[in-house]
Protein backbone atom coordinates (compact mmCIF):
# COMPACT_ATOMS: atom_id res chain seq x y z
CA UNK A 1 0.28 23.84 15.97
CA UNK A 2 -1.38 20.82 17.42
CA UNK A 3 -3.81 18.24 16.52
CA UNK A 4 -4.67 14.52 17.14
CA UNK A 5 -5.98 12.19 14.91
CA UNK A 6 -5.57 8.23 14.40
CA UNK A 7 -2.62 6.89 12.62
CA UNK A 8 -0.88 3.79 11.15
CA UNK A 9 3.12 4.04 11.51
CA UNK A 10 4.69 3.70 7.97
CA UNK A 11 8.55 4.19 8.82
CA UNK A 12 11.06 4.96 11.18
CA UNK A 13 14.64 6.49 10.71
CA UNK A 14 17.42 7.41 13.13
CA UNK A 15 17.83 11.10 14.02
CA UNK A 16 20.24 11.00 16.67
CA UNK A 17 21.07 8.60 19.70
CA UNK A 18 17.94 9.25 21.36
CA UNK A 19 15.36 10.34 18.68
CA UNK A 20 13.97 8.74 15.58
CA UNK A 21 11.95 10.39 12.63
CA UNK A 22 8.57 8.44 12.26
CA UNK A 23 6.31 8.82 9.01
CA UNK A 24 2.76 8.01 9.93
CA UNK A 25 -0.55 7.89 7.71
CA UNK A 26 -3.16 9.60 9.82
CA UNK A 27 -6.82 9.69 8.87
CA UNK A 28 -7.36 13.39 8.63
CA UNK A 29 -4.24 14.92 8.12
CA UNK A 30 -2.50 12.45 5.58
CA UNK A 31 1.05 11.26 5.95
CA UNK A 32 2.97 13.40 8.39
CA UNK A 33 6.64 12.92 9.82
CA UNK A 34 7.46 13.87 13.23
CA UNK A 35 10.40 13.22 16.27
CA UNK A 36 9.96 10.87 18.95
CA UNK A 37 12.02 10.61 21.88
CA UNK A 38 13.58 7.11 22.70
CA UNK A 39 14.70 6.17 26.15
CA UNK A 40 18.38 5.76 26.86
CA UNK A 41 17.70 3.15 29.34
CA UNK A 42 15.36 1.31 26.99
CA UNK A 43 15.60 1.52 23.26
CA UNK A 44 13.23 -1.15 22.38
CA UNK A 45 11.51 -0.10 19.14
CA UNK A 46 8.81 -2.44 18.97
CA UNK A 47 6.13 0.06 19.99
CA UNK A 48 7.17 2.18 16.81
CA UNK A 49 7.00 -0.66 14.40
CA UNK A 50 5.67 -0.11 10.79
CA UNK A 51 1.86 -1.40 10.98
CA UNK A 52 1.22 -0.39 14.46
CA UNK A 53 -2.10 1.48 15.07
CA UNK A 54 -1.92 4.73 17.10
CA UNK A 55 -3.51 7.57 18.62
CA UNK A 56 -1.35 10.35 17.82
CA UNK A 57 -0.46 13.76 18.69
CA UNK A 58 1.56 16.16 16.53
CA UNK A 59 2.81 19.36 17.64
CA UNK A 60 5.12 22.15 16.30
CA UNK A 61 5.62 25.88 16.71
CA UNK A 62 4.96 26.46 13.12
CA UNK A 63 2.73 23.91 10.90
CA UNK A 64 5.94 24.00 8.21
CA UNK A 65 8.26 22.56 11.01
CA UNK A 66 9.21 18.91 11.45
CA UNK A 67 7.13 18.53 14.86
CA UNK A 68 7.13 16.12 17.62
CA UNK A 69 4.93 12.90 18.28
CA UNK A 70 3.09 11.75 21.23
CA UNK A 71 1.89 8.30 20.71
CA UNK A 72 -0.68 6.11 22.38
CA UNK A 73 -0.16 2.60 20.73
CA UNK A 74 -3.61 0.72 20.26
CA UNK A 75 -2.90 -2.42 18.18
CA UNK A 76 0.39 -4.05 16.78
CA UNK A 77 -0.49 -6.21 13.83
CA UNK A 78 2.81 -7.35 13.50
CA UNK A 79 3.06 -9.25 16.65
CA UNK A 80 0.08 -11.41 15.56
CA UNK A 81 1.68 -12.59 12.64
CA UNK A 82 5.24 -13.19 14.04
CA UNK A 83 5.55 -16.56 13.18
CA UNK A 84 4.74 -15.90 9.43
CA UNK A 85 7.59 -14.49 7.50
CA UNK A 86 5.46 -13.99 4.47
CA UNK A 87 2.78 -12.17 6.14
CA UNK A 88 5.31 -9.88 7.85
CA UNK A 89 7.05 -9.05 4.65
CA UNK A 90 3.73 -8.06 3.48
CA UNK A 91 2.84 -5.78 6.20
CA UNK A 92 6.44 -4.14 5.63
CA UNK A 93 5.87 -3.74 1.96
CA UNK A 94 2.31 -2.25 2.26
CA UNK A 95 3.91 0.23 4.61
CA UNK A 96 6.66 1.36 2.69
CA UNK A 97 5.00 1.52 -0.58
CA UNK A 98 2.56 4.05 1.32
CA UNK A 99 5.37 5.86 2.67
CA UNK A 100 7.32 6.07 -0.49
CA UNK A 101 4.41 7.06 -2.82
CA UNK A 102 2.21 9.41 -0.80
CA UNK A 103 3.20 13.14 -0.78
CA UNK A 104 3.27 14.53 2.87
CA UNK A 105 0.17 16.47 4.50
CA UNK A 106 -2.43 15.60 2.19
CA UNK A 107 -5.65 13.42 3.66
CA UNK A 108 -6.08 10.09 1.80
CA UNK A 109 -9.06 8.86 4.31
CA UNK A 110 -10.05 6.14 1.75
CA UNK A 111 -6.39 4.68 1.49
CA UNK A 112 -6.08 4.85 5.33
CA UNK A 113 -9.28 2.75 5.72
CA UNK A 114 -7.77 0.51 2.78
CA UNK A 115 -4.45 0.14 4.77
CA UNK A 116 -5.88 -0.60 8.15
CA UNK A 117 -8.21 -3.01 6.42
CA UNK A 118 -5.46 -4.65 4.57
CA UNK A 119 -3.31 -4.94 8.13
CA UNK A 120 -6.31 -6.56 9.74
CA UNK A 121 -7.05 -9.04 7.00
CA UNK A 122 -3.35 -10.16 7.41
CA UNK A 123 -4.38 -11.45 10.87
CA UNK A 124 -7.60 -12.87 10.18
CA UNK A 125 -7.84 -13.66 6.28
CA UNK A 126 -6.58 -16.28 4.39
CA UNK A 127 -7.43 -14.21 1.04
CA UNK A 128 -5.16 -11.62 2.31
CA UNK A 129 -3.27 -11.43 -1.28
CA UNK A 130 -6.44 -10.15 -2.87
CA UNK A 131 -6.90 -7.40 -0.34
CA UNK A 132 -3.03 -6.57 -0.76
CA UNK A 133 -3.61 -6.16 -4.75
CA UNK A 134 -6.78 -3.92 -3.88
CA UNK A 135 -4.44 -1.87 -1.65
CA UNK A 136 -2.28 -1.03 -4.61
CA UNK A 137 -5.03 -0.58 -6.86
CA UNK A 138 -6.59 2.08 -4.29
CA UNK A 139 -2.97 3.51 -3.98
CA UNK A 140 -3.17 4.12 -7.79
CA UNK A 141 -6.99 5.45 -7.83
CA UNK A 142 -6.08 7.93 -4.87
CA UNK A 143 -3.44 9.37 -6.62
CA UNK A 144 -5.31 10.00 -9.85
CA UNK A 145 -3.83 7.12 -11.93
CA UNK A 146 -6.84 4.41 -11.44
CA UNK A 147 -7.21 1.65 -13.75
CA UNK A 148 -10.64 1.33 -15.66
CA UNK A 149 -11.61 -2.19 -15.84
CA UNK A 150 -15.37 -1.96 -15.95
CA UNK A 151 -15.85 -2.13 -19.91
CA UNK A 152 -13.53 -2.43 -22.91
CA UNK A 153 -12.33 1.15 -24.34
CA UNK A 154 -12.84 0.34 -27.77
CA UNK A 155 -16.15 -1.73 -27.94
CA UNK A 156 -17.59 -0.51 -24.71
CA UNK A 157 -18.53 -4.17 -24.07
CA UNK A 158 -18.61 -5.35 -20.49
CA UNK A 159 -17.70 -9.15 -21.10
CA UNK A 160 -14.46 -11.06 -22.13
CA UNK A 161 -12.32 -8.40 -20.92
CA UNK A 162 -8.89 -10.03 -20.91
CA UNK A 163 -6.44 -7.07 -21.57
CA UNK A 164 -5.59 -3.55 -20.27
CA UNK A 165 -4.01 -0.83 -22.23
CA UNK A 166 -0.55 0.22 -21.00
CA UNK A 167 -1.02 3.71 -21.79
CA UNK A 168 -4.55 4.46 -20.73
CA UNK A 169 -5.12 1.80 -17.86
CA UNK A 170 -8.71 0.92 -19.58
CA UNK A 171 -9.70 -2.86 -20.16
CA UNK A 172 -9.72 -4.19 -23.67
CA UNK A 173 -12.01 -6.92 -24.75
CA UNK A 174 -10.68 -9.96 -26.58
CA UNK A 175 -11.83 -9.21 -30.01
CA UNK A 176 -10.68 -5.81 -29.89
CA UNK A 177 -7.27 -6.54 -28.28
CA UNK A 178 -6.19 -9.53 -29.90
CA UNK A 179 -4.63 -8.10 -33.05
CA UNK A 180 -2.55 -5.85 -30.70
CA UNK A 181 -2.10 -8.47 -27.61
CA UNK A 182 1.70 -8.35 -27.71
CA UNK A 183 1.65 -4.56 -26.60
CA UNK A 184 -1.28 -5.06 -24.17
CA UNK A 185 -0.79 -6.26 -20.58
CA UNK A 186 -3.16 -9.18 -19.31
CA UNK A 187 -6.09 -8.72 -17.03
CA UNK A 188 -6.30 -11.04 -14.31
CA UNK A 189 -9.97 -12.39 -14.05
CA UNK A 190 -10.06 -12.15 -10.32
CA UNK A 191 -9.97 -8.11 -10.49
CA UNK A 192 -13.16 -8.47 -12.37
CA UNK A 193 -14.97 -10.50 -9.63
CA UNK A 194 -14.41 -11.53 -5.94
CA UNK A 195 -16.31 -14.78 -6.63
CA UNK A 196 -13.10 -15.90 -8.97
CA UNK A 197 -10.28 -17.65 -7.14
CA UNK A 198 -6.91 -16.45 -7.21
CA UNK A 199 -4.29 -18.66 -9.12
CA UNK A 200 -0.62 -18.08 -8.80
CA UNK A 201 -0.22 -16.93 -12.43
CA UNK A 202 -3.05 -14.60 -11.76
CA UNK A 203 -1.43 -13.27 -8.78
CA UNK A 204 1.79 -12.48 -10.84
CA UNK A 205 -0.15 -11.10 -13.40
CA UNK A 206 -1.73 -8.54 -11.18
CA UNK A 207 1.20 -7.65 -9.13
CA UNK A 208 3.01 -6.85 -12.72
CA UNK A 209 -0.08 -4.97 -13.76
CA UNK A 210 0.10 -2.63 -10.54
CA UNK A 211 3.70 -2.33 -10.37
CA UNK A 212 3.95 -1.15 -13.99
CA UNK A 213 1.37 1.75 -13.64
CA UNK A 214 2.93 2.70 -10.09
CA UNK A 215 6.45 2.65 -11.32
CA UNK A 216 5.83 4.27 -15.03
CA UNK A 217 2.86 6.88 -14.37
CA UNK A 218 2.91 7.40 -10.45
CA UNK A 219 6.68 7.47 -9.74
CA UNK A 220 7.71 8.71 -13.10
CA UNK A 221 9.71 5.38 -14.24
CA UNK A 222 11.55 5.55 -10.64
CA UNK A 223 12.21 2.15 -9.27
CA UNK A 224 9.51 0.84 -6.79
CA UNK A 225 10.94 0.01 -3.25
CA UNK A 226 13.15 -3.11 -3.21
CA UNK A 227 11.10 -4.73 -0.35
CA UNK A 228 8.33 -5.04 -2.92
CA UNK A 229 10.22 -7.27 -4.99
CA UNK A 230 11.59 -9.44 -2.22
CA UNK A 231 8.00 -9.70 -1.02
CA UNK A 232 6.96 -10.81 -4.74
CA UNK A 233 9.70 -13.46 -4.81
CA UNK A 234 8.37 -14.90 -1.69
CA UNK A 235 4.79 -15.26 -2.49
CA UNK A 236 3.13 -18.58 -2.74
CA UNK A 237 -0.47 -20.20 -1.81
CA UNK A 238 1.34 -22.09 0.97
CA UNK A 239 -0.70 -21.91 4.51
């Protein structure tokens, strides 16, 4: 069994003294794991850091086996942001969360494109925080728990949407939601329009919103990776 694909490295862990296991999100084959050899003379693992883009070859005797990777590294986003610890933490969080949430061997081409775009955004875009929120939104959507923020679940109106139902993930208008606002989640305005500038409060609300649904519905109340909370604690709007 052998195939070739574009991939983004999500995580690495030690197998033995000269092998590590890499988890890689590939465009057409989904998240796959496999072994890769590490030279005894040179154990520099910079080429297999999370976030690296690679041309990958995966091969195994049988499809259900762990398999082995051969990689041709094409781009290393982490190297471009080495002096920005918050962006580095954002990169690590995006890769760790994707690795943690996705089942193996199921293609998620839209999510692959979103993750690739986010990693590129970290280098070039000052508005990369918005792109991170979109990554978490897409993660929910691709796995069947997408939020519906287009209209009010009660009145069907499309304006004055300020709440989200914690049960359905559906937007709720001010008029319909105010009597129950203590039971509803706030809807950050920037999620409704790209023209709205993000504030720190809105960013906090958005991360709480996506984190709530990731934990409760996608992970069945399992704890999200600890690195995500460290990332949230570090976020601010300093450049």
